[in-house]
Each structure stands twice: as structure tokens, then as C-alpha cells.
């Protein structure tokens, strides 16, 4: 089925962050942020590389002090992916980050200072070809907007966003991405839907800020970002978790993959256990998942507990196993290709995965 009208993300103008395009109908870009001391360039580079390995297209790095700028320069020079400088309060650090090689800045114009300081950052970024994300946040709105009792929170976020976008564009700077974040899923939905209507040409960075620890943050991000992405809203995304940042990209990819927007690595199809299951399916599924975590091929792998949820139910899987008492039937696209004992299921399935990848 084809749509008779373009999706919102196809209407946004393209913004280039190094060699990565955000907006203009490009695939949704996945990003995360380091939590190491930026002044320790090697530690931060190690985390950047880990995030890239986990699936990040770009990585954001905080630059909170002058001391961090030297480390940031090294990070930009040696990173395998484009680096975004996260700046608050100090416009001179933003300019310094541009000079150090940032592919993009993330600033909240409301806390950078007066318009002259904001304009100095805009001019530096424009001269260097550096993109800027305007990052509006529910917790740091401009006072004149925050104090208005006649506006809802989403309306305040949209008003602030429109104000900043207009200023940047009036100054001739259009290489911008916009975010307007809140910790409430409903506020996130209302805000981004409005932004997509009101300023449809500006690429949107999606995120539920302060979403919580791994479980809660995954749930809130999956619901909020998943709904928006399913409506065609959002050009880049970060899943924010109070956890090791390497935990974030797999959640983002899981959301994109479940919506059919991007594929990276194998998808595991596994059934819930029930009284019909006669093997330790949970352990088998967990081991298969662990052993596949570093595979990049976009395969569908099924781990099924019985004949009811077997080759027929998972007939579209590239490979799979249907388990019975003490054994498993290996299958590919619904066709049986072998039988193995229970203690050989994972090894046999992985051997078939490797064989399929070699054939492709």
C-alpha cells in the first residue's frame, strides 16, 4: 500500500552532520551521548567507539569547561562517527567547539545568554558549516513564556521553539534541527505533533527526556517515540536511559525495526512459554540473543516452544527452531531442514546462521 501524500519526515529539509543526513526523507538517525570526562579524550573515544558499534550514527559529547575543549578536539579528529558538542550557558565554549571540529552543536538559546551571544554562535557555526540543534526543554523555558498561565506546556514548548527557529532563519542560518523535550509522554506527543504542523520544514530530534532507568525509560521512549515515528514524525532520535549509554542504541533500533523503518542486526521472534513447552525455552532464547548481539545482518530468527508456535507460525523467519521434548526442529521459511537434540539447539542454529550469512 502506498500513501497518497508524503510523510512529515519527507517534508523536512536535509541537514548534514558530517557525512550523515538528518531530514529530507533520510532514514531516521540514531544517536546517544557519552558520560565520560571529555577532558579524558581516550576514555571518551572508547565510549564513542562502543556507541558506534552499538548502532549510533552520531554521538553527542558534553563540553562543560575550557579544559574539555582540548580533549574534544582529539575526539572529533579520531571519532568514527560525527560528533555533536553539547553546550550550556557559555557561548564561548560553543564557538570553541566549532573551532575544535564539532559537526553539530546542541544548544538551548534560552540559557546561552543574550541575543548577541547567540548570534556569535550562529555566525561561527555558519562559517564552519556546522549544524545546530536548537534544544528547547520544559525545565528551562524563557521566563516570559514559562510564566504564562493561559498556555499548556506543549503550547509553551512550541512557542519557544518557533521563536528560536524564526531568529535563526531571519539571520540566514537554516542548518538547524529542533528538539522540544519533556519527561511526560503525552506532552511529548502533543508538542511534536504541533511542531510538525507549524514548522514542517525543520527536522525534528525526538526524545523523552529524563525517561528513567532502563525498564521505565525503555517503556516511555518506546511508547512516545514509537507513536510519533509511526505517524511519520521525527528525523533523528535518542533513547534516554539512566544506564550505561551503550544500552540506548539497541532500544532505538528495536523501535525502528519494529516499525519497519530501519533494520540492523537480527530480530528474535520467540514465543511466551506455556504448559506445552517441554524445553527450557527461556534459556535457549536468551543464549541465542546473546550470541547474535554482535551480528549486523538483518535476519529474522525464530525460537519457538512447541509445534503450535512452530514453523507455520514463524514461516516468514529466515531461520528458526521449533522445540519438542528433548529436541528441536530447525527450519527456514517454514521448511524443516534438520532435527537436533536439546543440548545442541543453540550451536546448530548458530551454525545455520553463519552458513546463511556466508551464502549471502
Foldseek 3Di string as FASTA:
>chain_A
DDDPDDFLQCQADWFDQPPDIFGNPDFAFEEFEADDQLLPLVVRLVLLVLLVLLPHQEYEYEDEDPSNLVSLLVSCVPHPHAYEYEDFQDLVSLLSNLVSHHQEYEYAVLRPDDVVSVVVSLVSCVVSSHAYEHEAELVRQHPVLVPDPVDDSLRSLLVSQVVVCVVSVVVVHDSYAYEYEEQDLVSQQSNQVVCCVPVSHHAYEDEHPPQEADPSLLVSCLVNVLVQVLSSHHRYYWRDHPDRRSSTSVSVQVSCVVSVRDFWWEDEAEDDDDPQFQAPQVVLSVVLCVVRSSPGDHFYEYEYRAPVCDCVVPLVGQWYWYDHNQKIFIDGSSHTDDIGGPVCVSVVRVVVVVVVVVVD
